[in-house]
Amino acid sequence: MVRAELTIESAQGIHLAPANLIAVTADRFNSQIHFKTEYMDINAKSIINLVGGTLRKGDKILCVCNGPDEKEALEAMKDLLSQDLDELLKDKE
């Protein structure tokens, strides 16, 4: 199991489009990936969980990855969440 504290950098927080990007990325890994806050345990592979987590810019989360590719999964989440996901999605259009 690996873990790291991450900060949500996306200006609009995690709404539907960024949640989809996170879930699709997380789903590439065999490891379980969870974002833990003071009040919630969010499955990063679930769009509904991500949107329901109401994560906003500046929120700190503990990203916990557990499984055969946990280190790679954690690095992918670090990379993704360090960006403004709305801008990233806009650039892909």
Protein backbone atom coordinates (compact mmCIF):
# COMPACT_ATOMS: atom_id res chain seq x y z
CA MET A 1 0.00 0.00 0.00
CA VAL A 2 1.26 3.46 -0.93
CA ARG A 3 -0.21 6.82 -0.08
CA ALA A 4 0.36 10.52 -0.52
CA GLU A 5 -1.38 13.72 0.45
CA LEU A 6 -2.52 15.55 -2.67
CA THR A 7 -4.15 18.92 -3.26
CA ILE A 8 -6.97 19.46 -5.75
CA GLU A 9 -5.63 22.03 -8.24
CA SER A 10 -8.54 22.10 -10.67
CA ALA A 11 -10.08 25.59 -10.59
CA GLN A 12 -13.66 24.29 -10.73
CA GLY A 13 -13.00 21.34 -8.40
CA ILE A 14 -14.06 17.83 -9.32
CA HIS A 15 -17.31 17.95 -11.27
CA LEU A 16 -18.54 15.52 -13.94
CA ALA A 17 -15.93 16.00 -16.70
CA PRO A 18 -12.86 15.90 -14.41
CA ALA A 19 -14.42 13.00 -12.48
CA ASN A 20 -14.71 11.07 -15.73
CA LEU A 21 -11.05 11.76 -16.57
CA ILE A 22 -9.93 10.61 -13.09
CA ALA A 23 -12.08 7.47 -13.22
CA VAL A 24 -10.89 6.52 -16.72
CA THR A 25 -7.27 7.02 -15.64
CA ALA A 26 -7.76 5.07 -12.40
CA ASP A 27 -9.45 2.24 -14.26
CA ARG A 28 -6.25 1.58 -16.25
CA PHE A 29 -4.72 0.17 -13.05
CA ASN A 30 -5.42 -3.11 -11.29
CA SER A 31 -4.84 -1.49 -7.90
CA GLN A 32 -7.58 -0.09 -5.72
CA ILE A 33 -7.38 3.71 -5.64
CA HIS A 34 -9.15 5.72 -2.96
CA PHE A 35 -9.23 9.39 -2.02
CA LYS A 36 -9.75 9.86 1.69
CA THR A 37 -10.95 13.06 3.28
CA GLU A 38 -11.88 13.82 6.84
CA TYR A 39 -15.43 12.69 6.11
CA MET A 40 -15.35 10.40 3.08
CA ASP A 41 -13.64 7.47 1.41
CA ILE A 42 -13.98 8.00 -2.34
CA ASN A 43 -13.39 5.23 -4.87
CA ALA A 44 -11.39 6.93 -7.65
CA LYS A 45 -12.76 4.48 -10.21
CA SER A 46 -16.34 5.63 -9.57
CA ILE A 47 -17.56 8.79 -11.29
CA ILE A 48 -20.53 8.93 -8.91
CA ASN A 49 -18.25 8.69 -5.85
CA LEU A 50 -15.94 11.37 -7.25
CA VAL A 51 -18.73 13.82 -8.03
CA GLY A 52 -20.42 13.04 -4.69
CA GLY A 53 -17.19 13.85 -2.89
CA THR A 54 -17.68 17.56 -3.69
CA LEU A 55 -13.92 18.10 -3.89
CA ARG A 56 -12.98 21.75 -4.43
CA LYS A 57 -9.82 23.57 -5.45
CA GLY A 58 -7.40 23.55 -2.55
CA ASP A 59 -8.93 20.55 -0.78
CA LYS A 60 -6.36 18.14 0.57
CA ILE A 61 -6.97 14.42 0.13
CA LEU A 62 -5.06 11.31 1.04
CA CYS A 63 -4.64 9.15 -2.07
CA VAL A 64 -4.26 5.49 -1.11
CA CYS A 65 -3.35 2.88 -3.72
CA ASN A 66 -3.22 -0.83 -2.97
CA GLY A 67 -2.41 -3.56 -5.47
CA PRO A 68 0.08 -4.90 -7.99
CA ASP A 69 0.66 -1.57 -9.76
CA GLU A 70 0.11 0.73 -6.77
CA LYS A 71 3.23 2.86 -7.29
CA GLU A 72 2.35 3.59 -10.91
CA ALA A 73 -1.25 4.32 -9.93
CA LEU A 74 -0.16 6.78 -7.25
CA GLU A 75 2.16 8.57 -9.69
CA ALA A 76 -0.66 8.83 -12.24
CA MET A 77 -3.00 10.34 -9.63
CA LYS A 78 -0.30 12.76 -8.46
CA ASP A 79 0.29 13.88 -12.03
CA LEU A 80 -3.39 14.22 -12.86
CA LEU A 81 -4.50 16.05 -9.73
CA SER A 82 -1.59 18.51 -9.88
CA GLN A 83 -3.19 19.98 -13.02
CA ASP A 84 -6.23 22.12 -13.73
CA LEU A 85 -8.35 19.34 -15.21
CA ASP A 86 -10.77 21.74 -16.89
CA GLU A 87 -7.86 23.28 -18.81
CA LEU A 88 -6.47 19.85 -19.61
CA LEU A 89 -9.85 18.75 -21.01
CA LYS A 90 -10.20 21.99 -22.97
CA ASP A 91 -6.79 21.39 -24.58
CA LYS A 92 -7.92 17.91 -25.70
CA GLU A 93 -10.95 19.24 -27.59
